[in-house]
Amino acid sequence: KHISTVINDETKRLGFQVDKVLQMAM
């Protein structure tokens, strides 16, 4: 459960950073 939570949180964090980078296109 702990590992799954870490993977889920870090994936969300990585996705958030990708969204920030994609804002450049705007």
mmCIF file of all heavy atoms, coordinates in Angstrom:
data_MODEL
# 
_entry.id   MODEL 
# 
loop_
_atom_site.group_PDB 
_atom_site.id 
_atom_site.type_symbol 
_atom_site.label_atom_id 
_atom_site.label_alt_id 
_atom_site.label_comp_id 
_atom_site.label_asym_id 
_atom_site.label_entity_id 
_atom_site.label_seq_id 
_atom_site.pdbx_PDB_ins_code 
_atom_site.Cartn_x 
_atom_site.Cartn_y 
_atom_site.Cartn_z 
_atom_site.occupancy 
_atom_site.B_iso_or_equiv 
_atom_site.pdbx_formal_charge 
_atom_site.auth_seq_id 
_atom_site.auth_comp_id 
_atom_site.auth_asym_id 
_atom_site.auth_atom_id 
_atom_site.pdbx_PDB_model_num 
ATOM 1   N N   . LYS A 1 1  ? 0.840  -1.202 0.000   1.00 0.00 ? 1  LYS A N   1 
ATOM 2   C CA  . LYS A 1 1  ? 0.000  0.000  0.000   1.00 0.00 ? 1  LYS A CA  1 
ATOM 3   C C   . LYS A 1 1  ? 0.874  1.251  0.000   1.00 0.00 ? 1  LYS A C   1 
ATOM 4   O O   . LYS A 1 1  ? 0.588  2.245  -0.710  1.00 0.00 ? 1  LYS A O   1 
ATOM 5   C CB  . LYS A 1 1  ? -0.916 -0.013 1.196   1.00 0.00 ? 1  LYS A CB  1 
ATOM 6   C CG  . LYS A 1 1  ? -1.879 1.159  1.242   1.00 0.00 ? 1  LYS A CG  1 
ATOM 7   C CD  . LYS A 1 1  ? -2.806 1.032  2.452   1.00 0.00 ? 1  LYS A CD  1 
ATOM 8   C CE  . LYS A 1 1  ? -3.773 2.214  2.503   1.00 0.00 ? 1  LYS A CE  1 
ATOM 9   N NZ  . LYS A 1 1  ? -4.675 2.133  3.678   1.00 0.00 ? 1  LYS A NZ  1 
ATOM 10  N N   . HIS A 1 2  ? 1.938  1.215  0.793   1.00 0.00 ? 2  HIS A N   1 
ATOM 11  C CA  . HIS A 1 2  ? 2.819  2.386  0.871   1.00 0.00 ? 2  HIS A CA  1 
ATOM 12  C C   . HIS A 1 2  ? 3.510  2.649  -0.479  1.00 0.00 ? 2  HIS A C   1 
ATOM 13  O O   . HIS A 1 2  ? 3.585  3.801  -0.956  1.00 0.00 ? 2  HIS A O   1 
ATOM 14  C CB  . HIS A 1 2  ? 3.878  2.151  1.960   1.00 0.00 ? 2  HIS A CB  1 
ATOM 15  C CG  . HIS A 1 2  ? 4.906  3.224  2.015   1.00 0.00 ? 2  HIS A CG  1 
ATOM 16  N ND1 . HIS A 1 2  ? 4.648  4.508  2.448   1.00 0.00 ? 2  HIS A ND1 1 
ATOM 17  C CD2 . HIS A 1 2  ? 6.241  3.208  1.658   1.00 0.00 ? 2  HIS A CD2 1 
ATOM 18  C CE1 . HIS A 1 2  ? 5.726  5.231  2.370   1.00 0.00 ? 2  HIS A CE1 1 
ATOM 19  N NE2 . HIS A 1 2  ? 6.730  4.442  1.900   1.00 0.00 ? 2  HIS A NE2 1 
ATOM 20  N N   . ILE A 1 3  ? 3.999  1.549  -1.100  1.00 0.00 ? 3  ILE A N   1 
ATOM 21  C CA  . ILE A 1 3  ? 4.668  1.710  -2.398  1.00 0.00 ? 3  ILE A CA  1 
ATOM 22  C C   . ILE A 1 3  ? 3.690  2.221  -3.460  1.00 0.00 ? 3  ILE A C   1 
ATOM 23  O O   . ILE A 1 3  ? 4.032  3.086  -4.285  1.00 0.00 ? 3  ILE A O   1 
ATOM 24  C CB  . ILE A 1 3  ? 5.315  0.384  -2.823  1.00 0.00 ? 3  ILE A CB  1 
ATOM 25  C CG1 . ILE A 1 3  ? 6.465  0.027  -1.862  1.00 0.00 ? 3  ILE A CG1 1 
ATOM 26  C CG2 . ILE A 1 3  ? 5.822  0.462  -4.252  1.00 0.00 ? 3  ILE A CG2 1 
ATOM 27  C CD1 . ILE A 1 3  ? 7.072  -1.329 -2.119  1.00 0.00 ? 3  ILE A CD1 1 
ATOM 28  N N   . SER A 1 4  ? 2.470  1.680  -3.426  1.00 0.00 ? 4  SER A N   1 
ATOM 29  C CA  . SER A 1 4  ? 1.450  2.128  -4.394  1.00 0.00 ? 4  SER A CA  1 
ATOM 30  C C   . SER A 1 4  ? 1.140  3.609  -4.205  1.00 0.00 ? 4  SER A C   1 
ATOM 31  O O   . SER A 1 4  ? 0.965  4.353  -5.184  1.00 0.00 ? 4  SER A O   1 
ATOM 32  C CB  . SER A 1 4  ? 0.177  1.298  -4.235  1.00 0.00 ? 4  SER A CB  1 
ATOM 33  O OG  . SER A 1 4  ? 0.444  -0.057 -4.475  1.00 0.00 ? 4  SER A OG  1 
ATOM 34  N N   . THR A 1 5  ? 1.070  4.023  -2.948  1.00 0.00 ? 5  THR A N   1 
ATOM 35  C CA  . THR A 1 5  ? 0.797  5.442  -2.668  1.00 0.00 ? 5  THR A CA  1 
ATOM 36  C C   . THR A 1 5  ? 1.933  6.327  -3.180  1.00 0.00 ? 5  THR A C   1 
ATOM 37  O O   . THR A 1 5  ? 1.695  7.395  -3.768  1.00 0.00 ? 5  THR A O   1 
ATOM 38  C CB  . THR A 1 5  ? 0.612  5.649  -1.151  1.00 0.00 ? 5  THR A CB  1 
ATOM 39  O OG1 . THR A 1 5  ? -0.462 4.838  -0.684  1.00 0.00 ? 5  THR A OG1 1 
ATOM 40  C CG2 . THR A 1 5  ? 0.306  7.110  -0.847  1.00 0.00 ? 5  THR A CG2 1 
ATOM 41  N N   . VAL A 1 6  ? 3.171  5.875  -2.955  1.00 0.00 ? 6  VAL A N   1 
ATOM 42  C CA  . VAL A 1 6  ? 4.328  6.645  -3.442  1.00 0.00 ? 6  VAL A CA  1 
ATOM 43  C C   . VAL A 1 6  ? 4.292  6.769  -4.950  1.00 0.00 ? 6  VAL A C   1 
ATOM 44  O O   . VAL A 1 6  ? 4.493  7.857  -5.521  1.00 0.00 ? 6  VAL A O   1 
ATOM 45  C CB  . VAL A 1 6  ? 5.637  5.989  -2.968  1.00 0.00 ? 6  VAL A CB  1 
ATOM 46  C CG1 . VAL A 1 6  ? 6.838  6.640  -3.667  1.00 0.00 ? 6  VAL A CG1 1 
ATOM 47  C CG2 . VAL A 1 6  ? 5.773  6.109  -1.460  1.00 0.00 ? 6  VAL A CG2 1 
ATOM 48  N N   . ILE A 1 7  ? 4.055  5.638  -5.622  1.00 0.00 ? 7  ILE A N   1 
ATOM 49  C CA  . ILE A 1 7  ? 4.002  5.669  -7.097  1.00 0.00 ? 7  ILE A CA  1 
ATOM 50  C C   . ILE A 1 7  ? 2.891  6.587  -7.579  1.00 0.00 ? 7  ILE A C   1 
ATOM 51  O O   . ILE A 1 7  ? 3.079  7.380  -8.524  1.00 0.00 ? 7  ILE A O   1 
ATOM 52  C CB  . ILE A 1 7  ? 3.820  4.236  -7.644  1.00 0.00 ? 7  ILE A CB  1 
ATOM 53  C CG1 . ILE A 1 7  ? 5.065  3.387  -7.332  1.00 0.00 ? 7  ILE A CG1 1 
ATOM 54  C CG2 . ILE A 1 7  ? 3.554  4.263  -9.144  1.00 0.00 ? 7  ILE A CG2 1 
ATOM 55  C CD1 . ILE A 1 7  ? 4.927  1.934  -7.736  1.00 0.00 ? 7  ILE A CD1 1 
ATOM 56  N N   . ASN A 1 8  ? 1.736  6.522  -6.949  1.00 0.00 ? 8  ASN A N   1 
ATOM 57  C CA  . ASN A 1 8  ? 0.589  7.345  -7.345  1.00 0.00 ? 8  ASN A CA  1 
ATOM 58  C C   . ASN A 1 8  ? 0.888  8.832  -7.134  1.00 0.00 ? 8  ASN A C   1 
ATOM 59  O O   . ASN A 1 8  ? 0.641  9.668  -8.018  1.00 0.00 ? 8  ASN A O   1 
ATOM 60  C CB  . ASN A 1 8  ? -0.639 6.911  -6.565  1.00 0.00 ? 8  ASN A CB  1 
ATOM 61  C CG  . ASN A 1 8  ? -1.884 7.679  -7.007  1.00 0.00 ? 8  ASN A CG  1 
ATOM 62  O OD1 . ASN A 1 8  ? -2.279 7.635  -8.169  1.00 0.00 ? 8  ASN A OD1 1 
ATOM 63  N ND2 . ASN A 1 8  ? -2.496 8.391  -6.066  1.00 0.00 ? 8  ASN A ND2 1 
ATOM 64  N N   . ASP A 1 9  ? 1.455  9.174  -5.958  1.00 0.00 ? 9  ASP A N   1 
ATOM 65  C CA  . ASP A 1 9  ? 1.744  10.588 -5.665  1.00 0.00 ? 9  ASP A CA  1 
ATOM 66  C C   . ASP A 1 9  ? 2.815  11.145 -6.600  1.00 0.00 ? 9  ASP A C   1 
ATOM 67  O O   . ASP A 1 9  ? 2.694  12.275 -7.103  1.00 0.00 ? 9  ASP A O   1 
ATOM 68  C CB  . ASP A 1 9  ? 2.196  10.735 -4.205  1.00 0.00 ? 9  ASP A CB  1 
ATOM 69  C CG  . ASP A 1 9  ? 1.058  10.469 -3.218  1.00 0.00 ? 9  ASP A CG  1 
ATOM 70  O OD1 . ASP A 1 9  ? -0.110 10.497 -3.650  1.00 0.00 ? 9  ASP A OD1 1 
ATOM 71  O OD2 . ASP A 1 9  ? 1.358  10.232 -2.023  1.00 0.00 ? 9  ASP A OD2 1 
ATOM 72  N N   . GLU A 1 10 ? 3.866  10.353 -6.800  1.00 0.00 ? 10 GLU A N   1 
ATOM 73  C CA  . GLU A 1 10 ? 4.947  10.834 -7.665  1.00 0.00 ? 10 GLU A CA  1 
ATOM 74  C C   . GLU A 1 10 ? 4.501  10.927 -9.120  1.00 0.00 ? 10 GLU A C   1 
ATOM 75  O O   . GLU A 1 10 ? 4.958  11.802 -9.864  1.00 0.00 ? 10 GLU A O   1 
ATOM 76  C CB  . GLU A 1 10 ? 6.170  9.919  -7.537  1.00 0.00 ? 10 GLU A CB  1 
ATOM 77  C CG  . GLU A 1 10 ? 6.853  9.962  -6.168  1.00 0.00 ? 10 GLU A CG  1 
ATOM 78  C CD  . GLU A 1 10 ? 7.316  11.346 -5.794  1.00 0.00 ? 10 GLU A CD  1 
ATOM 79  O OE1 . GLU A 1 10 ? 7.798  12.087 -6.694  1.00 0.00 ? 10 GLU A OE1 1 
ATOM 80  O OE2 . GLU A 1 10 ? 7.201  11.722 -4.613  1.00 0.00 ? 10 GLU A OE2 1 
ATOM 81  N N   . THR A 1 11 ? 3.613  10.034 -9.528  1.00 0.00 ? 11 THR A N   1 
ATOM 82  C CA  . THR A 1 11 ? 3.077  10.117 -10.893 1.00 0.00 ? 11 THR A CA  1 
ATOM 83  C C   . THR A 1 11 ? 2.255  11.389 -11.075 1.00 0.00 ? 11 THR A C   1 
ATOM 84  O O   . THR A 1 11 ? 2.345  12.069 -12.118 1.00 0.00 ? 11 THR A O   1 
ATOM 85  C CB  . THR A 1 11 ? 2.218  8.883  -11.210 1.00 0.00 ? 11 THR A CB  1 
ATOM 86  O OG1 . THR A 1 11 ? 3.005  7.704  -11.054 1.00 0.00 ? 11 THR A OG1 1 
ATOM 87  C CG2 . THR A 1 11 ? 1.686  8.940  -12.627 1.00 0.00 ? 11 THR A CG2 1 
ATOM 88  N N   . LYS A 1 12 ? 1.422  11.693 -10.035 1.00 0.00 ? 12 LYS A N   1 
ATOM 89  C CA  . LYS A 1 12 ? 0.639  12.933 -10.091 1.00 0.00 ? 12 LYS A CA  1 
ATOM 90  C C   . LYS A 1 12 ? 1.569  14.151 -10.141 1.00 0.00 ? 12 LYS A C   1 
ATOM 91  O O   . LYS A 1 12 ? 1.327  15.113 -10.871 1.00 0.00 ? 12 LYS A O   1 
ATOM 92  C CB  . LYS A 1 12 ? -0.289 13.023 -8.891  1.00 0.00 ? 12 LYS A CB  1 
ATOM 93  C CG  . LYS A 1 12 ? -1.466 12.075 -8.943  1.00 0.00 ? 12 LYS A CG  1 
ATOM 94  C CD  . LYS A 1 12 ? -2.359 12.263 -7.718  1.00 0.00 ? 12 LYS A CD  1 
ATOM 95  C CE  . LYS A 1 12 ? -3.571 11.329 -7.789  1.00 0.00 ? 12 LYS A CE  1 
ATOM 96  N NZ  . LYS A 1 12 ? -4.446 11.507 -6.583  1.00 0.00 ? 12 LYS A NZ  1 
ATOM 97  N N   . ARG A 1 13 ? 2.624  14.092 -9.314  1.00 0.00 ? 13 ARG A N   1 
ATOM 98  C CA  . ARG A 1 13 ? 3.578  15.212 -9.278  1.00 0.00 ? 13 ARG A CA  1 
ATOM 99  C C   . ARG A 1 13 ? 4.260  15.368 -10.631 1.00 0.00 ? 13 ARG A C   1 
ATOM 100 O O   . ARG A 1 13 ? 4.440  16.494 -11.136 1.00 0.00 ? 13 ARG A O   1 
ATOM 101 C CB  . ARG A 1 13 ? 4.614  14.953 -8.193  1.00 0.00 ? 13 ARG A CB  1 
ATOM 102 C CG  . ARG A 1 13 ? 5.657  16.053 -8.039  1.00 0.00 ? 13 ARG A CG  1 
ATOM 103 C CD  . ARG A 1 13 ? 6.638  15.677 -6.940  1.00 0.00 ? 13 ARG A CD  1 
ATOM 104 N NE  . ARG A 1 13 ? 7.709  16.660 -6.870  1.00 0.00 ? 13 ARG A NE  1 
ATOM 105 C CZ  . ARG A 1 13 ? 8.766  16.547 -6.081  1.00 0.00 ? 13 ARG A CZ  1 
ATOM 106 N NH1 . ARG A 1 13 ? 8.886  15.455 -5.291  1.00 0.00 ? 13 ARG A NH1 1 
ATOM 107 N NH2 . ARG A 1 13 ? 9.701  17.464 -6.058  1.00 0.00 ? 13 ARG A NH2 1 
ATOM 108 N N   . LEU A 1 14 ? 4.644  14.248 -11.239 1.00 0.00 ? 14 LEU A N   1 
ATOM 109 C CA  . LEU A 1 14 ? 5.279  14.295 -12.556 1.00 0.00 ? 14 LEU A CA  1 
ATOM 110 C C   . LEU A 1 14 ? 4.308  14.826 -13.606 1.00 0.00 ? 14 LEU A C   1 
ATOM 111 O O   . LEU A 1 14 ? 4.689  15.626 -14.471 1.00 0.00 ? 14 LEU A O   1 
ATOM 112 C CB  . LEU A 1 14 ? 5.774  12.905 -12.934 1.00 0.00 ? 14 LEU A CB  1 
ATOM 113 C CG  . LEU A 1 14 ? 6.608  12.800 -14.222 1.00 0.00 ? 14 LEU A CG  1 
ATOM 114 C CD1 . LEU A 1 14 ? 7.847  13.659 -14.125 1.00 0.00 ? 14 LEU A CD1 1 
ATOM 115 C CD2 . LEU A 1 14 ? 6.975  11.341 -14.494 1.00 0.00 ? 14 LEU A CD2 1 
ATOM 116 N N   . GLY A 1 15 ? 3.043  14.377 -13.518 1.00 0.00 ? 15 GLY A N   1 
ATOM 117 C CA  . GLY A 1 15 ? 2.040  14.871 -14.460 1.00 0.00 ? 15 GLY A CA  1 
ATOM 118 C C   . GLY A 1 15 ? 1.803  16.366 -14.303 1.00 0.00 ? 15 GLY A C   1 
ATOM 119 O O   . GLY A 1 15 ? 1.619  17.097 -15.292 1.00 0.00 ? 15 GLY A O   1 
ATOM 120 N N   . PHE A 1 16 ? 1.828  16.856 -13.056 1.00 0.00 ? 16 PHE A N   1 
ATOM 121 C CA  . PHE A 1 16 ? 1.656  18.291 -12.806 1.00 0.00 ? 16 PHE A CA  1 
ATOM 122 C C   . PHE A 1 16 ? 2.802  19.090 -13.414 1.00 0.00 ? 16 PHE A C   1 
ATOM 123 O O   . PHE A 1 16 ? 2.586  20.159 -14.012 1.00 0.00 ? 16 PHE A O   1 
ATOM 124 C CB  . PHE A 1 16 ? 1.572  18.523 -11.291 1.00 0.00 ? 16 PHE A CB  1 
ATOM 125 C CG  . PHE A 1 16 ? 1.432  19.973 -10.918 1.00 0.00 ? 16 PHE A CG  1 
ATOM 126 C CD1 . PHE A 1 16 ? 0.227  20.641 -11.072 1.00 0.00 ? 16 PHE A CD1 1 
ATOM 127 C CD2 . PHE A 1 16 ? 2.524  20.678 -10.407 1.00 0.00 ? 16 PHE A CD2 1 
ATOM 128 C CE1 . PHE A 1 16 ? 0.109  21.978 -10.722 1.00 0.00 ? 16 PHE A CE1 1 
ATOM 129 C CE2 . PHE A 1 16 ? 2.405  22.008 -10.066 1.00 0.00 ? 16 PHE A CE2 1 
ATOM 130 C CZ  . PHE A 1 16 ? 1.193  22.660 -10.223 1.00 0.00 ? 16 PHE A CZ  1 
ATOM 131 N N   . GLN A 1 17 ? 4.041  18.577 -13.290 1.00 0.00 ? 17 GLN A N   1 
ATOM 132 C CA  . GLN A 1 17 ? 5.185  19.272 -13.869 1.00 0.00 ? 17 GLN A CA  1 
ATOM 133 C C   . GLN A 1 17 ? 5.103  19.279 -15.392 1.00 0.00 ? 17 GLN A C   1 
ATOM 134 O O   . GLN A 1 17 ? 5.457  20.274 -16.034 1.00 0.00 ? 17 GLN A O   1 
ATOM 135 C CB  . GLN A 1 17 ? 6.488  18.597 -13.413 1.00 0.00 ? 17 GLN A CB  1 
ATOM 136 C CG  . GLN A 1 17 ? 6.711  18.584 -11.900 1.00 0.00 ? 17 GLN A CG  1 
ATOM 137 C CD  . GLN A 1 17 ? 6.803  19.980 -11.315 1.00 0.00 ? 17 GLN A CD  1 
ATOM 138 O OE1 . GLN A 1 17 ? 6.961  20.958 -12.028 1.00 0.00 ? 17 GLN A OE1 1 
ATOM 139 N NE2 . GLN A 1 17 ? 6.690  20.067 -9.993  1.00 0.00 ? 17 GLN A NE2 1 
ATOM 140 N N   . VAL A 1 18 ? 4.623  18.167 -15.971 1.00 0.00 ? 18 VAL A N   1 
ATOM 141 C CA  . VAL A 1 18 ? 4.452  18.119 -17.428 1.00 0.00 ? 18 VAL A CA  1 
ATOM 142 C C   . VAL A 1 18 ? 3.424  19.157 -17.875 1.00 0.00 ? 18 VAL A C   1 
ATOM 143 O O   . VAL A 1 18 ? 3.604  19.844 -18.900 1.00 0.00 ? 18 VAL A O   1 
ATOM 144 C CB  . VAL A 1 18 ? 4.047  16.706 -17.882 1.00 0.00 ? 18 VAL A CB  1 
ATOM 145 C CG1 . VAL A 1 18 ? 3.662  16.693 -19.360 1.00 0.00 ? 18 VAL A CG1 1 
ATOM 146 C CG2 . VAL A 1 18 ? 5.175  15.723 -17.627 1.00 0.00 ? 18 VAL A CG2 1 
ATOM 147 N N   . ASP A 1 19 ? 2.330  19.310 -17.116 1.00 0.00 ? 19 ASP A N   1 
ATOM 148 C CA  . ASP A 1 19 ? 1.322  20.329 -17.448 1.00 0.00 ? 19 ASP A CA  1 
ATOM 149 C C   . ASP A 1 19 ? 1.931  21.725 -17.412 1.00 0.00 ? 19 ASP A C   1 
ATOM 150 O O   . ASP A 1 19 ? 1.601  22.587 -18.243 1.00 0.00 ? 19 ASP A O   1 
ATOM 151 C CB  . ASP A 1 19 ? 0.154  20.245 -16.469 1.00 0.00 ? 19 ASP A CB  1 
ATOM 152 C CG  . ASP A 1 19 ? -0.692 18.999 -16.688 1.00 0.00 ? 19 ASP A CG  1 
ATOM 153 O OD1 . ASP A 1 19 ? -0.626 18.443 -17.813 1.00 0.00 ? 19 ASP A OD1 1 
ATOM 154 O OD2 . ASP A 1 19 ? -1.399 18.581 -15.749 1.00 0.00 ? 19 ASP A OD2 1 
ATOM 155 N N   . LYS A 1 20 ? 2.819  21.964 -16.454 1.00 0.00 ? 20 LYS A N   1 
ATOM 156 C CA  . LYS A 1 20 ? 3.477  23.265 -16.372 1.00 0.00 ? 20 LYS A CA  1 
ATOM 157 C C   . LYS A 1 20 ? 4.315  23.536 -17.622 1.00 0.00 ? 20 LYS A C   1 
ATOM 158 O O   . LYS A 1 20 ? 4.311  24.642 -18.170 1.00 0.00 ? 20 LYS A O   1 
ATOM 159 C CB  . LYS A 1 20 ? 4.394  23.295 -15.143 1.00 0.00 ? 20 LYS A CB  1 
ATOM 160 C CG  . LYS A 1 20 ? 3.668  23.442 -13.815 1.00 0.00 ? 20 LYS A CG  1 
ATOM 161 C CD  . LYS A 1 20 ? 3.224  24.868 -13.629 1.00 0.00 ? 20 LYS A CD  1 
ATOM 162 C CE  . LYS A 1 20 ? 2.675  25.086 -12.227 1.00 0.00 ? 20 LYS A CE  1 
ATOM 163 N NZ  . LYS A 1 20 ? 2.247  26.480 -12.010 1.00 0.00 ? 20 LYS A NZ  1 
ATOM 164 N N   . VAL A 1 21 ? 5.023  22.501 -18.076 1.00 0.00 ? 21 VAL A N   1 
ATOM 165 C CA  . VAL A 1 21 ? 5.843  22.663 -19.273 1.00 0.00 ? 21 VAL A CA  1 
ATOM 166 C C   . VAL A 1 21 ? 4.973  22.893 -20.499 1.00 0.00 ? 21 VAL A C   1 
ATOM 167 O O   . VAL A 1 21 ? 5.291  23.718 -21.379 1.00 0.00 ? 21 VAL A O   1 
ATOM 168 C CB  . VAL A 1 21 ? 6.751  21.438 -19.478 1.00 0.00 ? 21 VAL A CB  1 
ATOM 169 C CG1 . VAL A 1 21 ? 7.530  21.549 -20.776 1.00 0.00 ? 21 VAL A CG1 1 
ATOM 170 C CG2 . VAL A 1 21 ? 7.713  21.290 -18.302 1.00 0.00 ? 21 VAL A CG2 1 
ATOM 171 N N   . LEU A 1 22 ? 3.838  22.173 -20.561 1.00 0.00 ? 22 LEU A N   1 
ATOM 172 C CA  . LEU A 1 22 ? 2.943  22.328 -21.716 1.00 0.00 ? 22 LEU A CA  1 
ATOM 173 C C   . LEU A 1 22 ? 2.311  23.715 -21.789 1.00 0.00 ? 22 LEU A C   1 
ATOM 174 O O   . LEU A 1 22 ? 1.827  24.135 -22.843 1.00 0.00 ? 22 LEU A O   1 
ATOM 175 C CB  . LEU A 1 22 ? 1.843  21.256 -21.671 1.00 0.00 ? 22 LEU A CB  1 
ATOM 176 C CG  . LEU A 1 22 ? 2.317  19.818 -21.914 1.00 0.00 ? 22 LEU A CG  1 
ATOM 177 C CD1 . LEU A 1 22 ? 1.148  18.844 -21.745 1.00 0.00 ? 22 LEU A CD1 1 
ATOM 178 C CD2 . LEU A 1 22 ? 2.935  19.671 -23.292 1.00 0.00 ? 22 LEU A CD2 1 
ATOM 179 N N   . GLN A 1 23 ? 2.318  24.424 -20.653 1.00 0.00 ? 23 GLN A N   1 
ATOM 180 C CA  . GLN A 1 23 ? 1.785  25.790 -20.672 1.00 0.00 ? 23 GLN A CA  1 
ATOM 181 C C   . GLN A 1 23 ? 2.617  26.703 -21.566 1.00 0.00 ? 23 GLN A C   1 
ATOM 182 O O   . GLN A 1 23 ? 2.135  27.729 -22.043 1.00 0.00 ? 23 GLN A O   1 
ATOM 183 C CB  . GLN A 1 23 ? 1.747  26.364 -19.252 1.00 0.00 ? 23 GLN A CB  1 
ATOM 184 C CG  . GLN A 1 23 ? 0.661  25.762 -18.372 1.00 0.00 ? 23 GLN A CG  1 
ATOM 185 C CD  . GLN A 1 23 ? 0.721  26.326 -16.955 1.00 0.00 ? 23 GLN A CD  1 
ATOM 186 O OE1 . GLN A 1 23 ? 1.567  27.149 -16.638 1.00 0.00 ? 23 GLN A OE1 1 
ATOM 187 N NE2 . GLN A 1 23 ? -0.188 25.865 -16.110 1.00 0.00 ? 23 GLN A NE2 1 
ATOM 188 N N   . MET A 1 24 ? 3.861  26.310 -21.809 1.00 0.00 ? 24 MET A N   1 
ATOM 189 C CA  . MET A 1 24 ? 4.721  27.115 -22.683 1.00 0.00 ? 24 MET A CA  1 
ATOM 190 C C   . MET A 1 24 ? 4.120  27.260 -24.076 1.00 0.00 ? 24 MET A C   1 
ATOM 191 O O   . MET A 1 24 ? 4.282  28.298 -24.735 1.00 0.00 ? 24 MET A O   1 
ATOM 192 C CB  . MET A 1 24 ? 6.105  26.476 -22.795 1.00 0.00 ? 24 MET A CB  1 
ATOM 193 C CG  . MET A 1 24 ? 6.935  26.536 -21.527 1.00 0.00 ? 24 MET A CG  1 
ATOM 194 S SD  . MET A 1 24 ? 8.535  25.746 -21.771 1.00 0.00 ? 24 MET A SD  1 
ATOM 195 C CE  . MET A 1 24 ? 9.185  26.722 -23.112 1.00 0.00 ? 24 MET A CE  1 
ATOM 196 N N   . ALA A 1 25 ? 3.442  26.233 -24.554 1.00 0.00 ? 25 ALA A N   1 
ATOM 197 C CA  . ALA A 1 25 ? 2.881  26.271 -25.904 1.00 0.00 ? 25 ALA A CA  1 
ATOM 198 C C   . ALA A 1 25 ? 1.844  27.371 -26.050 1.00 0.00 ? 25 ALA A C   1 
ATOM 199 O O   . ALA A 1 25 ? 1.623  27.890 -27.142 1.00 0.00 ? 25 ALA A O   1 
ATOM 200 C CB  . ALA A 1 25 ? 2.263  24.920 -26.246 1.00 0.00 ? 25 ALA A CB  1 
ATOM 201 N N   . MET A 1 26 ? 1.217  27.727 -24.934 1.00 0.00 ? 26 MET A N   1 
ATOM 202 C CA  . MET A 1 26 ? 0.167  28.739 -24.992 1.00 0.00 ? 26 MET A CA  1 
ATOM 203 C C   . MET A 1 26 ? 0.743  30.121 -25.294 1.00 0.00 ? 26 MET A C   1 
ATOM 204 O O   . MET A 1 26 ? 0.068  30.990 -25.836 1.00 0.00 ? 26 MET A O   1 
ATOM 205 C CB  . MET A 1 26 ? -0.608 28.780 -23.673 1.00 0.00 ? 26 MET A CB  1 
ATOM 206 C CG  . MET A 1 26 ? -1.228 27.445 -23.300 1.00 0.00 ? 26 MET A CG  1 
ATOM 207 S SD  . MET A 1 26 ? -2.434 27.617 -21.977 1.00 0.00 ? 26 MET A SD  1 
ATOM 208 C CE  . MET A 1 26 ? -3.657 28.621 -22.764 1.00 0.00 ? 26 MET A CE  1 
# 
